[in-house]
Amino acid sequence: MSRASRLATSTTKTEAQADRKAFVTLRFAGDELDPQDISAILPVEPTRAHRKGEEFFAGANAGKLRGRTGLWFLATDKLVDSDDLRDHLEFVHTLLYPKSGDKRRITKLHDALERARSHARITCFWHGEPGEPVPQIPAQFKSAVKPLAADIESDFASGKTSTKERQAITKSNISSYSTLHRYFLNASRNRSLFIAKLQNGAVDHPHTMVHLDLWYGCLFVVVEGWRKKKIRDEAVTAFLRDRAKVALLEGYRNAVFHYGSNYIDPRQEKLFKDEAFVDWVSGLHDAISNFFLREITGDVLQ
């Protein structure tokens, strides 16, 4: 059995039913952006909007902040009553194209962003049942948003979330999770690509190991940021208490991102020999993902 196959055994196995959640965020940002220009085009109340330097209320944990840049931000979780990512993508598509072939709104958005020298970002969030195939972002949707030159990101995960875990988040001394979440997207994207390779039967494809390496390496970067920010979350802390596993992940990160003379670094081989590691790292990833899924539309994005 290959390394990728061994490490995937627990990643895709079926467990108890998980909480399902899906939503999409649409973000326009730039130092010269006036969110009123976006609101004049899109007939929906933004989740958050402010000009650069403008004071705004970021939530109970963060309190009042000043916008680091101009922002118009929309999350669909309160607007679309569905755990199917396709429904949320369809909502955004209809928002941009109210009628088939009607390009007036997206053209106006393109022009407004160009004038304000601002950019667009679309992020798709999905949390499914253990073992459930990750969703795909349709090519039609990607083509539809091309006029915005938007970055399209995904944060896909599956796993079980208990009531205790959902209630575990407590107040901490951080005012923005968005920077750390950007690092987590790197890990999450490569995990999704790794699992997709396995599901397509490409266990021994070279890219399968590439995505595994980047998943583990990027995930430890998130762990570093998590500790530096002193975030308190009971579910994540439970995994980070296993110092031996954390040390394996750190060693793997160093092997991936620091040059060595061995094709397979001894630190990687050491991790491969730990049969319990896959369960641990998958649980850690899902716990961090659950944290962001709870917080991402609350105190985090600006």
Protein backbone atom coordinates (compact mmCIF):
# COMPACT_ATOMS: atom_id res chain seq x y z
CA MET A 1 0.00 0.00 0.00
CA SER A 2 1.38 3.43 -0.97
CA ARG A 3 2.04 6.24 1.50
CA ALA A 4 -0.88 8.25 0.10
CA SER A 5 -3.19 5.27 0.41
CA ARG A 6 -2.15 4.56 3.99
CA LEU A 7 -2.58 8.17 4.99
CA ALA A 8 -5.97 8.35 3.30
CA THR A 9 -7.53 5.39 5.09
CA SER A 10 -9.10 7.44 7.85
CA THR A 11 -9.52 10.61 5.81
CA THR A 12 -12.37 9.21 3.75
CA LYS A 13 -13.92 6.67 6.09
CA THR A 14 -17.55 6.91 7.14
CA GLU A 15 -18.33 7.99 10.69
CA ALA A 16 -21.41 9.29 12.48
CA GLN A 17 -23.48 11.93 10.67
CA ALA A 18 -22.01 15.42 10.78
CA ASP A 19 -23.54 18.85 10.81
CA ARG A 20 -23.83 20.05 7.23
CA LYS A 21 -23.29 23.64 6.27
CA ALA A 22 -22.62 25.58 3.12
CA PHE A 23 -22.47 29.23 2.17
CA VAL A 24 -20.68 31.63 -0.14
CA THR A 25 -19.11 34.99 0.58
CA LEU A 26 -18.74 37.82 -1.92
CA ARG A 27 -16.14 40.43 -1.05
CA PHE A 28 -15.17 43.66 -2.77
CA ALA A 29 -12.22 45.49 -1.24
CA GLY A 30 -9.83 48.31 -1.96
CA ASP A 31 -8.45 51.42 -0.30
CA GLU A 32 -10.45 53.68 -2.62
CA LEU A 33 -13.65 51.63 -2.52
CA ASP A 34 -16.84 53.34 -1.39
CA PRO A 35 -19.25 50.51 -0.47
CA GLN A 36 -22.18 52.73 -1.40
CA ASP A 37 -21.11 52.37 -5.04
CA ILE A 38 -21.58 48.60 -4.76
CA SER A 39 -24.86 48.91 -2.88
CA ALA A 40 -26.15 51.15 -5.66
CA ILE A 41 -25.69 48.21 -8.04
CA LEU A 42 -26.61 45.14 -5.98
CA PRO A 43 -30.13 45.07 -4.43
CA VAL A 44 -29.12 43.32 -1.21
CA GLU A 45 -28.04 44.51 2.22
CA PRO A 46 -24.35 43.68 2.77
CA THR A 47 -23.26 41.70 5.81
CA ARG A 48 -20.62 44.34 6.40
CA ALA A 49 -19.58 47.50 4.61
CA HIS A 50 -17.27 50.40 5.45
CA ARG A 51 -14.80 52.80 3.89
CA LYS A 52 -11.12 52.78 4.70
CA GLY A 53 -10.57 54.38 8.10
CA GLU A 54 -14.26 54.29 8.95
CA GLU A 55 -15.15 52.97 12.40
CA PHE A 56 -17.49 49.97 12.47
CA PHE A 57 -18.76 47.40 14.96
CA ALA A 58 -17.02 44.07 14.22
CA GLY A 59 -18.92 41.95 16.76
CA ALA A 60 -18.99 41.17 20.44
CA ASN A 61 -15.46 39.74 20.52
CA ALA A 62 -13.71 42.36 18.41
CA GLY A 63 -15.74 45.46 19.37
CA LYS A 64 -15.23 48.63 17.34
CA LEU A 65 -12.52 48.68 14.69
CA ARG A 66 -11.43 50.97 11.90
CA GLY A 67 -11.51 49.61 8.39
CA ARG A 68 -8.05 48.76 7.11
CA THR A 69 -9.45 49.10 3.60
CA GLY A 70 -12.75 49.85 1.91
CA LEU A 71 -15.05 46.84 2.05
CA TRP A 72 -18.39 45.54 0.80
CA PHE A 73 -18.94 42.02 2.11
CA LEU A 74 -21.87 39.62 1.74
CA ALA A 75 -22.36 36.14 3.24
CA THR A 76 -25.22 33.96 2.01
CA ASP A 77 -25.70 31.85 5.15
CA LYS A 78 -28.52 34.08 6.41
CA LEU A 79 -30.03 34.55 2.96
CA VAL A 80 -30.20 31.01 1.57
CA ASP A 81 -31.86 28.32 3.70
CA SER A 82 -29.92 25.37 2.32
CA ASP A 83 -26.88 23.23 3.07
CA ASP A 84 -26.34 22.60 -0.64
CA LEU A 85 -23.50 24.74 -1.98
CA ARG A 86 -25.17 24.85 -5.39
CA ASP A 87 -28.09 26.83 -3.97
CA HIS A 88 -25.72 29.45 -2.57
CA LEU A 89 -23.80 29.69 -5.82
CA GLU A 90 -27.07 30.10 -7.68
CA PHE A 91 -28.04 32.95 -5.34
CA VAL A 92 -24.81 34.79 -6.14
CA HIS A 93 -25.21 34.07 -9.84
CA THR A 94 -28.75 35.49 -9.84
CA LEU A 95 -27.55 38.51 -7.88
CA LEU A 96 -25.03 39.24 -10.61
CA TYR A 97 -27.29 38.22 -13.51
CA PRO A 98 -30.95 38.91 -12.58
CA LYS A 99 -32.04 37.61 -15.98
CA SER A 100 -30.38 35.24 -18.40
CA GLY A 101 -27.98 37.21 -20.57
CA ASP A 102 -28.47 40.44 -18.60
CA LYS A 103 -24.92 41.67 -18.04
CA ARG A 104 -25.76 45.15 -16.83
CA ARG A 105 -25.08 44.55 -13.13
CA ILE A 106 -21.82 42.70 -13.55
CA THR A 107 -20.64 45.29 -16.09
CA LYS A 108 -21.40 48.08 -13.62
CA LEU A 109 -19.56 46.17 -10.89
CA HIS A 110 -16.55 45.71 -13.15
CA ASP A 111 -16.48 49.42 -13.92
CA ALA A 112 -16.90 50.41 -10.26
CA LEU A 113 -14.06 48.13 -9.17
CA GLU A 114 -11.82 49.43 -11.94
CA ARG A 115 -12.48 53.06 -10.98
CA ALA A 116 -11.76 52.35 -7.33
CA ARG A 117 -8.76 50.15 -8.15
CA SER A 118 -10.36 47.42 -6.04
CA HIS A 119 -10.71 43.68 -6.36
CA ALA A 120 -13.28 40.92 -5.86
CA ARG A 121 -13.02 37.64 -3.98
CA ILE A 122 -15.52 34.80 -3.77
CA THR A 123 -15.09 32.12 -1.10
CA CYS A 124 -17.11 28.92 -0.97
CA PHE A 125 -17.54 27.21 2.40
CA TRP A 126 -18.82 23.66 2.81
CA HIS A 127 -18.87 21.23 5.73
CA GLY A 128 -20.32 17.82 4.93
CA GLU A 129 -20.82 14.40 6.40
CA PRO A 130 -17.74 12.24 7.02
CA GLY A 131 -16.71 10.56 3.79
CA GLU A 132 -19.02 12.70 1.67
CA PRO A 133 -17.43 13.79 -1.65
CA VAL A 134 -16.50 17.44 -1.66
CA PRO A 135 -18.59 19.60 -3.99
CA GLN A 136 -17.29 21.11 -7.20
CA ILE A 137 -17.57 24.74 -8.20
CA PRO A 138 -19.28 24.57 -11.60
CA ALA A 139 -17.36 25.80 -14.62
CA GLN A 140 -20.45 27.80 -15.59
CA PHE A 141 -20.22 29.79 -12.35
CA LYS A 142 -16.51 30.41 -12.80
CA SER A 143 -17.16 31.66 -16.32
CA ALA A 144 -20.00 33.89 -15.13
CA VAL A 145 -17.83 35.78 -12.62
CA LYS A 146 -14.87 36.20 -14.96
CA PRO A 147 -15.76 39.86 -15.70
CA LEU A 148 -15.03 40.60 -12.03
CA ALA A 149 -11.55 39.02 -12.24
CA ALA A 150 -12.47 37.55 -8.86
CA ASP A 151 -10.28 35.21 -6.86
CA ILE A 152 -12.35 32.08 -6.16
CA GLU A 153 -11.39 30.20 -3.02
CA SER A 154 -12.83 27.15 -1.31
CA ASP A 155 -12.87 25.90 2.27
CA PHE A 156 -14.23 22.36 2.17
CA ALA A 157 -14.19 19.87 5.04
CA SER A 158 -16.13 16.96 6.43
CA GLY A 159 -16.36 15.59 9.94
CA LYS A 160 -18.39 15.29 13.11
CA THR A 161 -19.09 18.35 15.27
CA SER A 162 -20.54 17.76 18.71
CA THR A 163 -22.75 20.18 20.62
CA LYS A 164 -19.92 20.64 23.08
CA GLU A 165 -17.56 21.63 20.28
CA ARG A 166 -20.06 24.07 18.85
CA GLN A 167 -20.32 25.79 22.22
CA ALA A 168 -16.60 25.68 22.96
CA ILE A 169 -15.56 29.03 21.47
CA THR A 170 -14.84 31.62 24.13
CA LYS A 171 -13.78 35.22 24.02
CA SER A 172 -10.12 35.74 23.17
CA ASN A 173 -7.84 38.69 22.67
CA ILE A 174 -7.89 38.63 18.87
CA SER A 175 -9.73 41.10 16.71
CA SER A 176 -9.30 39.46 13.30
CA TYR A 177 -9.25 35.83 12.25
CA SER A 178 -9.17 36.70 8.58
CA THR A 179 -5.37 36.62 8.20
CA LEU A 180 -5.11 33.20 9.82
CA HIS A 181 -8.03 31.99 7.72
CA ARG A 182 -6.12 32.92 4.56
CA TYR A 183 -3.40 30.50 5.64
CA PHE A 184 -5.99 27.86 6.46
CA LEU A 185 -7.41 28.12 2.95
CA ASN A 186 -4.04 26.94 1.63
CA ALA A 187 -4.23 23.82 3.78
CA SER A 188 -7.91 23.24 3.09
CA ARG A 189 -7.56 23.57 -0.67
CA ASN A 190 -4.74 21.04 -0.81
CA ARG A 191 -6.62 18.65 1.44
CA SER A 192 -9.60 18.84 -0.94
CA LEU A 193 -7.34 18.21 -3.94
CA PHE A 194 -5.68 15.30 -2.15
CA ILE A 195 -9.02 13.65 -1.35
CA ALA A 196 -10.26 14.27 -4.89
CA LYS A 197 -7.22 12.42 -6.24
CA LEU A 198 -7.97 9.46 -3.98
CA GLN A 199 -11.63 9.40 -4.96
CA ASN A 200 -10.60 9.39 -8.64
CA GLY A 201 -8.35 6.39 -8.03
CA ALA A 202 -5.15 8.39 -8.58
CA VAL A 203 -3.51 7.14 -5.39
CA ASP A 204 -0.05 6.83 -6.91
CA HIS A 205 -0.21 9.95 -9.08
CA PRO A 206 2.72 12.30 -8.24
CA HIS A 207 0.33 15.17 -7.58
CA THR A 208 -1.43 13.16 -4.88
CA MET A 209 1.66 13.28 -2.68
CA VAL A 210 2.26 16.92 -3.63
CA HIS A 211 -1.19 17.87 -2.29
CA LEU A 212 -0.63 15.77 0.83
CA ASP A 213 2.72 17.47 1.47
CA LEU A 214 1.21 20.92 1.03
CA TRP A 215 -1.81 20.08 3.17
CA TYR A 216 0.32 18.99 6.12
CA GLY A 217 2.90 21.72 5.66
CA CYS A 218 0.34 24.51 5.38
CA LEU A 219 -1.68 23.12 8.30
CA PHE A 220 1.28 23.46 10.63
CA VAL A 221 1.64 27.09 9.57
CA VAL A 222 -1.95 27.52 10.78
CA VAL A 223 -1.03 25.85 14.08
CA GLU A 224 1.83 28.34 14.48
CA GLY A 225 -0.51 31.25 13.85
CA TRP A 226 -3.14 29.75 16.16
CA ARG A 227 -0.65 29.64 19.01
CA LYS A 228 0.73 33.08 18.28
CA LYS A 229 -2.78 34.56 18.34
CA LYS A 230 -3.57 32.60 21.53
CA ILE A 231 -6.96 31.49 20.23
CA ARG A 232 -8.96 29.49 22.74
CA ASP A 233 -11.19 26.79 21.33
CA GLU A 234 -11.81 23.62 23.29
CA ALA A 235 -12.04 21.28 20.29
CA VAL A 236 -8.79 22.49 18.69
CA THR A 237 -6.96 22.59 22.03
CA ALA A 238 -7.83 18.95 22.63
CA PHE A 239 -5.87 17.99 19.51
CA LEU A 240 -2.96 20.35 20.16
CA ARG A 241 -2.42 18.79 23.59
CA ASP A 242 -0.93 15.79 21.78
CA ARG A 243 2.57 17.18 21.60
CA ALA A 244 3.99 14.10 19.90
CA LYS A 245 1.58 14.47 16.98
CA VAL A 246 2.20 18.21 16.76
CA ALA A 247 5.95 17.51 16.65
CA LEU A 248 5.41 15.05 13.78
CA LEU A 249 3.45 17.67 11.87
CA GLU A 250 6.12 20.29 12.49
CA GLY A 251 8.84 17.93 11.32
CA TYR A 252 6.86 17.15 8.19
CA ARG A 253 6.41 20.87 7.49
CA ASN A 254 10.16 21.40 7.81
CA ALA A 255 10.86 18.48 5.49
CA VAL A 256 8.47 19.89 2.87
CA PHE A 257 9.56 23.51 2.92
CA HIS A 258 13.29 23.15 3.73
CA TYR A 259 15.64 21.58 1.22
CA GLY A 260 17.11 18.18 2.11
CA SER A 261 19.22 15.63 0.25
CA ASN A 262 16.79 12.72 0.76
CA TYR A 263 13.91 12.19 -1.65
CA ILE A 264 11.81 10.98 1.28
CA ASP A 265 12.92 12.79 4.40
CA PRO A 266 13.30 10.72 7.61
CA ARG A 267 10.86 13.12 9.28
CA GLN A 268 8.24 12.18 6.71
CA GLU A 269 8.92 8.47 7.16
CA LYS A 270 8.54 8.88 10.91
CA LEU A 271 5.10 10.40 10.41
CA PHE A 272 4.06 7.67 7.98
CA LYS A 273 4.83 5.01 10.59
CA ASP A 274 2.39 6.53 13.10
CA GLU A 275 -0.85 4.71 12.29
CA ALA A 276 -2.89 7.05 14.49
CA PHE A 277 -1.66 10.22 12.80
CA VAL A 278 -4.27 10.36 10.03
CA ASP A 279 -7.16 10.31 12.51
CA TRP A 280 -5.46 13.02 14.54
CA VAL A 281 -4.59 15.37 11.67
CA SER A 282 -8.01 14.96 10.07
CA GLY A 283 -9.66 15.73 13.39
CA LEU A 284 -7.44 18.77 13.93
CA HIS A 285 -8.20 20.09 10.45
CA ASP A 286 -11.94 19.63 10.92
CA ALA A 287 -11.88 21.27 14.36
CA ILE A 288 -10.13 24.34 12.93
CA SER A 289 -12.53 24.37 9.98
CA ASN A 290 -15.52 24.21 12.34
CA PHE A 291 -14.11 27.17 14.26
CA PHE A 292 -13.90 29.27 11.11
CA LEU A 293 -17.34 28.13 9.94
CA ARG A 294 -18.80 29.39 13.21
CA GLU A 295 -16.86 32.63 13.25
CA ILE A 296 -16.30 33.59 9.63
CA THR A 297 -19.47 35.69 9.29
CA GLY A 298 -19.30 37.06 12.82
CA ASP A 299 -16.24 38.86 14.08
CA VAL A 300 -13.76 37.84 11.45
CA LEU A 301 -13.95 39.37 8.02
CA GLN A 302 -13.23 42.94 7.20
